[in-house]
Protein backbone atom coordinates (compact mmCIF):
# COMPACT_ATOMS: atom_id res chain seq x y z
CA MET A 1 60.12 138.40 119.56
CA LEU A 2 62.01 135.14 119.11
CA ALA A 3 65.74 135.48 119.48
CA ILE A 4 66.48 133.78 116.16
CA GLY A 5 63.75 135.60 114.26
CA LEU A 6 65.45 138.97 114.23
CA TRP A 7 67.01 140.52 111.16
CA ASP A 8 69.33 143.49 111.39
CA GLY A 9 69.53 144.08 107.64
CA SER A 10 73.32 143.79 107.58
CA LEU A 11 74.93 142.72 104.32
CA SER A 12 78.24 141.09 103.60
CA LYS A 13 80.73 143.55 102.12
CA SER A 14 81.17 141.17 99.22
CA ALA A 15 77.44 140.68 98.64
CA ALA A 16 76.54 140.53 94.99
CA ALA A 17 73.99 142.93 93.57
CA SER A 18 71.98 140.39 91.56
CA PRO A 19 70.00 137.90 93.67
CA GLU A 20 68.57 134.67 92.30
CA THR A 21 65.44 135.09 90.23
CA ASN A 22 64.06 131.53 90.34
CA SER A 23 64.20 131.05 94.09
CA PRO A 24 61.19 129.20 95.60
CA PRO A 25 59.04 130.84 98.28
CA PRO A 26 60.99 130.55 101.56
CA LEU A 27 59.25 128.35 104.13
CA ALA A 28 60.27 129.51 107.60
CA ARG A 29 58.67 126.47 109.28
CA ALA A 30 60.22 123.76 107.08
CA HIS A 31 63.05 121.74 108.65
CA ALA A 32 65.07 119.29 106.54
CA HIS A 33 65.83 116.41 108.88
CA ASN A 34 69.09 114.54 108.09
CA ASP A 35 69.44 116.76 105.04
CA TYR A 36 72.75 115.20 103.98
CA GLU A 37 70.96 111.96 103.06
CA HIS A 38 69.23 113.61 100.10
CA THR A 39 70.73 113.26 96.63
CA ARG A 40 72.02 116.84 96.69
CA PRO A 41 72.74 117.86 100.29
CA LEU A 42 71.60 121.41 101.06
CA LEU A 43 70.65 122.11 97.43
CA ASP A 44 67.58 119.86 97.39
CA ALA A 45 66.28 121.54 100.54
CA LEU A 46 66.93 125.01 99.13
CA ASP A 47 65.15 124.10 95.91
CA HIS A 48 62.07 123.41 98.05
CA GLY A 49 62.31 126.63 100.06
CA PHE A 50 63.43 125.14 103.38
CA CYS A 51 64.74 127.64 105.94
CA SER A 52 66.03 125.12 108.50
CA ILE A 53 68.51 122.41 107.58
CA GLU A 54 70.08 119.66 109.69
CA ALA A 55 73.52 118.09 109.32
CA ASP A 56 75.04 115.40 111.55
CA VAL A 57 78.78 115.77 112.16
CA TRP A 58 81.59 113.60 113.45
CA LEU A 59 85.03 114.87 114.46
CA VAL A 60 87.47 112.56 112.66
CA ASP A 61 91.20 113.32 112.64
CA GLY A 62 90.48 116.98 113.23
CA ASN A 63 87.91 117.24 110.45
CA LEU A 64 84.16 117.79 110.79
CA LEU A 65 82.65 115.09 108.58
CA VAL A 66 78.95 114.87 107.73
CA ALA A 67 77.29 111.47 108.13
CA HIS A 68 74.67 109.73 110.26
CA ASP A 69 76.96 106.86 111.28
CA ARG A 70 80.67 106.91 112.08
CA GLY A 71 81.30 104.10 109.61
CA LYS A 72 79.86 106.12 106.73
CA VAL A 73 82.06 109.21 106.95
CA LYS A 74 83.99 110.25 103.84
CA PRO A 75 86.93 112.68 103.90
CA ASP A 76 85.49 114.91 101.18
CA ARG A 77 82.08 115.30 102.87
CA THR A 78 83.10 118.00 105.33
CA LEU A 79 80.78 120.49 106.99
CA GLN A 80 82.53 123.25 105.08
CA ALA A 81 82.25 121.59 101.66
CA LEU A 82 78.64 120.43 101.96
CA TYR A 83 77.15 123.34 103.88
CA LEU A 84 79.20 126.34 104.99
CA ASP A 85 80.91 127.13 101.69
CA PRO A 86 77.79 126.84 99.49
CA LEU A 87 75.76 128.74 102.08
CA ARG A 88 78.30 131.59 102.02
CA GLU A 89 78.25 131.68 98.22
CA ARG A 90 74.46 131.77 98.10
CA VAL A 91 74.13 134.40 100.84
CA ARG A 92 76.59 136.68 99.06
CA ARG A 93 74.73 136.17 95.79
CA ASN A 94 71.42 137.08 97.44
CA GLY A 95 72.60 140.29 99.07
CA GLY A 96 73.14 138.90 102.55
CA ARG A 97 70.22 136.48 102.81
CA LEU A 98 69.65 132.81 102.06
CA TYR A 99 66.63 133.66 99.91
CA PRO A 100 66.10 137.05 98.22
CA ALA A 101 64.14 139.17 100.74
CA GLY A 102 63.75 135.99 102.82
CA PRO A 103 63.93 135.43 106.58
CA PRO A 104 67.00 134.35 108.57
CA ALA A 105 67.62 130.61 108.31
CA ILE A 106 68.87 127.88 110.65
CA LEU A 107 71.69 125.38 110.23
CA LEU A 108 71.15 122.74 112.92
CA ILE A 109 74.40 120.87 113.53
CA ASP A 110 73.75 117.55 115.27
CA VAL A 111 77.01 116.54 116.96
CA LYS A 112 77.51 112.77 116.99
CA SER A 113 81.05 112.60 118.41
CA ASP A 114 82.38 113.88 121.75
CA ALA A 115 80.65 117.12 122.71
CA GLU A 116 83.63 119.11 123.99
CA ALA A 117 86.21 118.04 121.41
CA THR A 118 83.80 118.49 118.52
CA TYR A 119 82.66 121.90 119.68
CA ALA A 120 86.26 123.05 120.13
CA ALA A 121 86.92 122.20 116.48
CA LEU A 122 83.58 123.57 115.36
CA ARG A 123 84.13 126.88 117.14
CA GLU A 124 87.31 127.49 115.14
CA VAL A 125 85.60 126.62 111.86
CA LEU A 126 82.57 128.83 112.50
CA LYS A 127 84.79 131.85 113.20
CA GLU A 128 85.85 131.70 109.56
CA TYR A 129 82.23 132.23 108.48
CA ALA A 130 81.45 135.19 110.73
CA ASP A 131 80.25 137.20 107.73
CA LEU A 132 77.11 135.08 107.38
CA LEU A 133 76.55 133.64 110.87
CA THR A 134 74.51 135.08 113.72
CA VAL A 135 76.77 136.30 116.53
CA PHE A 136 75.92 135.88 120.21
CA ARG A 137 77.91 138.42 122.23
CA ASP A 138 77.48 138.88 125.98
CA GLY A 139 73.80 137.99 125.85
CA SER A 140 73.00 140.11 122.81
CA VAL A 141 72.16 138.69 119.40
CA GLN A 142 73.27 140.06 116.03
CA THR A 143 71.18 138.05 113.61
CA LYS A 144 72.65 137.43 110.18
CA ALA A 145 71.62 135.18 107.30
CA ILE A 146 72.31 131.86 109.07
CA THR A 147 71.90 130.96 112.74
CA VAL A 148 73.87 127.86 113.75
CA ILE A 149 72.31 125.77 116.53
CA ILE A 150 74.12 122.83 118.10
CA SER A 151 72.08 119.70 118.81
CA GLY A 152 72.97 116.14 119.75
CA ASN A 153 76.05 116.04 121.98
CA ARG A 154 76.10 119.63 123.20
CA ALA A 155 78.86 121.40 125.11
CA ALA A 156 76.23 123.58 126.75
CA LYS A 157 78.23 124.70 129.81
CA THR A 158 81.24 125.60 127.70
CA MET A 159 79.07 127.55 125.30
CA ALA A 160 77.23 129.34 128.11
CA ALA A 161 80.56 130.57 129.51
CA GLU A 162 81.71 132.13 126.22
CA SER A 163 81.43 135.89 125.76
CA VAL A 164 81.29 135.51 121.96
CA ARG A 165 79.70 132.58 120.14
CA TYR A 166 78.82 131.77 116.55
CA ALA A 167 76.30 129.12 117.60
CA ALA A 168 73.51 128.54 120.11
CA VAL A 169 72.26 125.43 121.92
CA ASP A 170 69.30 123.25 120.95
CA GLY A 171 67.45 122.68 124.22
CA ARG A 172 65.07 119.95 125.36
CA ILE A 173 61.62 120.24 126.90
CA GLU A 174 63.08 120.11 130.40
CA ASP A 175 64.97 123.30 129.57
CA LEU A 176 61.63 125.10 129.58
CA GLU A 177 61.86 124.76 133.37
CA SER A 178 65.24 126.48 133.47
CA ASN A 179 66.13 130.14 133.37
CA ALA A 180 68.53 129.76 130.46
CA PRO A 181 68.55 132.90 128.31
CA GLY A 182 67.01 132.79 124.87
CA SER A 183 70.35 133.87 123.45
CA LEU A 184 71.81 130.55 124.66
CA ILE A 185 68.81 128.27 123.97
CA PRO A 186 66.67 129.88 121.23
CA LEU A 187 65.27 126.52 120.10
CA VAL A 188 63.85 123.57 122.04
CA SER A 189 63.64 120.19 120.29
CA ASP A 190 62.51 116.79 121.54
CA ASN A 191 61.55 113.29 120.49
CA TRP A 192 57.86 113.24 119.58
CA THR A 193 57.50 109.57 120.52
CA LYS A 194 58.73 110.22 124.07
CA VAL A 195 56.20 112.98 124.66
CA PHE A 196 53.16 111.88 122.65
CA LYS A 197 51.55 108.56 121.75
CA TRP A 198 49.62 109.77 118.68
CA HIS A 199 51.17 108.88 115.32
CA GLY A 200 48.61 110.35 112.94
CA THR A 201 45.99 107.60 112.92
CA GLY A 202 42.62 109.05 113.82
CA PRO A 203 42.23 112.43 115.50
CA LEU A 204 44.82 113.79 117.91
CA PRO A 205 43.47 112.96 121.40
CA ASP A 206 42.22 116.00 123.30
CA ASP A 207 44.63 115.54 126.20
CA GLU A 208 47.62 115.37 123.85
CA ARG A 209 46.34 118.34 121.85
CA ARG A 210 46.15 120.36 125.07
CA HIS A 211 49.62 119.24 126.15
CA LEU A 212 51.10 120.13 122.76
CA LYS A 213 49.51 123.58 122.94
CA GLN A 214 50.85 124.10 126.46
CA VAL A 215 54.41 123.14 125.46
CA VAL A 216 54.33 125.45 122.43
CA GLU A 217 52.89 128.35 124.41
CA LYS A 218 55.47 127.91 127.18
CA ALA A 219 58.33 127.94 124.67
CA HIS A 220 56.97 131.02 122.92
CA ALA A 221 56.44 132.84 126.22
CA GLN A 222 60.16 132.36 126.87
CA GLY A 223 61.13 133.61 123.41
CA ARG A 224 62.10 130.17 122.11
CA LYS A 225 61.13 128.22 119.01
CA ILE A 226 60.13 124.56 119.20
CA ARG A 227 60.62 121.46 117.08
CA PHE A 228 59.93 117.74 117.41
CA TRP A 229 61.87 114.97 115.71
CA ALA A 230 60.60 111.43 115.01
CA THR A 231 57.28 112.85 113.85
CA PRO A 232 55.53 110.72 111.21
CA ASP A 233 55.81 112.20 107.72
CA ARG A 234 52.06 112.49 107.22
CA PRO A 235 49.90 115.49 106.34
CA GLU A 236 47.67 114.73 109.33
CA VAL A 237 50.66 115.13 111.65
CA TRP A 238 51.96 118.20 109.84
CA LYS A 239 48.52 119.81 110.25
CA ALA A 240 48.46 119.12 113.98
CA LEU A 241 51.94 120.62 114.38
CA PHE A 242 51.12 123.59 112.17
CA ASP A 243 47.84 124.35 113.93
CA ALA A 244 49.51 124.10 117.36
CA GLY A 245 52.11 126.69 116.35
CA VAL A 246 55.15 124.38 116.24
CA ASP A 247 57.84 126.55 114.66
CA LEU A 248 59.88 123.96 112.77
CA ILE A 249 58.15 120.98 111.18
CA ASN A 250 60.59 118.09 110.86
CA THR A 251 60.56 116.04 107.64
CA ASP A 252 62.48 113.79 105.28
CA ASP A 253 59.81 114.42 102.59
CA LEU A 254 60.90 117.76 101.15
CA GLU A 255 58.35 117.92 98.35
CA GLY A 256 55.47 116.75 100.52
CA LEU A 257 56.02 119.29 103.27
CA GLN A 258 56.62 122.07 100.75
CA LYS A 259 53.25 121.38 99.10
CA PHE A 260 51.53 121.23 102.49
CA LEU A 261 52.97 124.53 103.74
CA LEU A 262 52.31 126.32 100.46
CA SER A 263 48.68 125.12 100.57
CA ARG A 264 48.30 126.43 104.11
CA SER A 265 49.73 129.82 103.16
CA HIS A 266 46.89 130.37 100.69
CA LYS A 267 44.11 129.75 103.22
């Protein structure tokens, strides 16, 4: 079983008894790429049932600020304000889960600033949200409502040396050749355009279809999930990823991917 797909049923002590009644069907394979660029960060993705959400962060004057570019950071757009605080509120409201009776979810934090300095600050922030975050302790995993995975500039060696973590590492395809434990690297992500030439025009070539299948199967055999970024936002591409067993389908088109995944669930 995948390391980040476990659920231990634990609830926050302050969990409310009345979950949301108008929550959309949770889509475990939907990943909101650069989520913070939507009109309502986090909330737009949740309204479409997404279970994996991506936020880019910069460490600026000791604060973790959410933005794609350093020049666009704003002091009020912190990781806590845009993501961690509303996630905690929602998880408590839903009895310890992001969606009522839904699966564990992923918050992918893409570090844009210095890996070590940013992780040092991030570690201290995540400790304050231990009630809702998956805990990695001496190789064991206690899965809670939200699993944080660090992408971008990753302090992988520092994280591997910790006995207790509130985040895991987003690996790359070359990590499938390593012996890194699934509790350290539960997810492998890579740039689609560096691995494949197909962009959705015409059928997926047989050799690339075979290679995609091999990569997915290798990741799954190691207990890891897999994701590709820079995939064209086209139903033809989503279908190829879906059929190959790619765990997280990357998109900027929340409504489009939601409709696609819901249509597949009824077949």
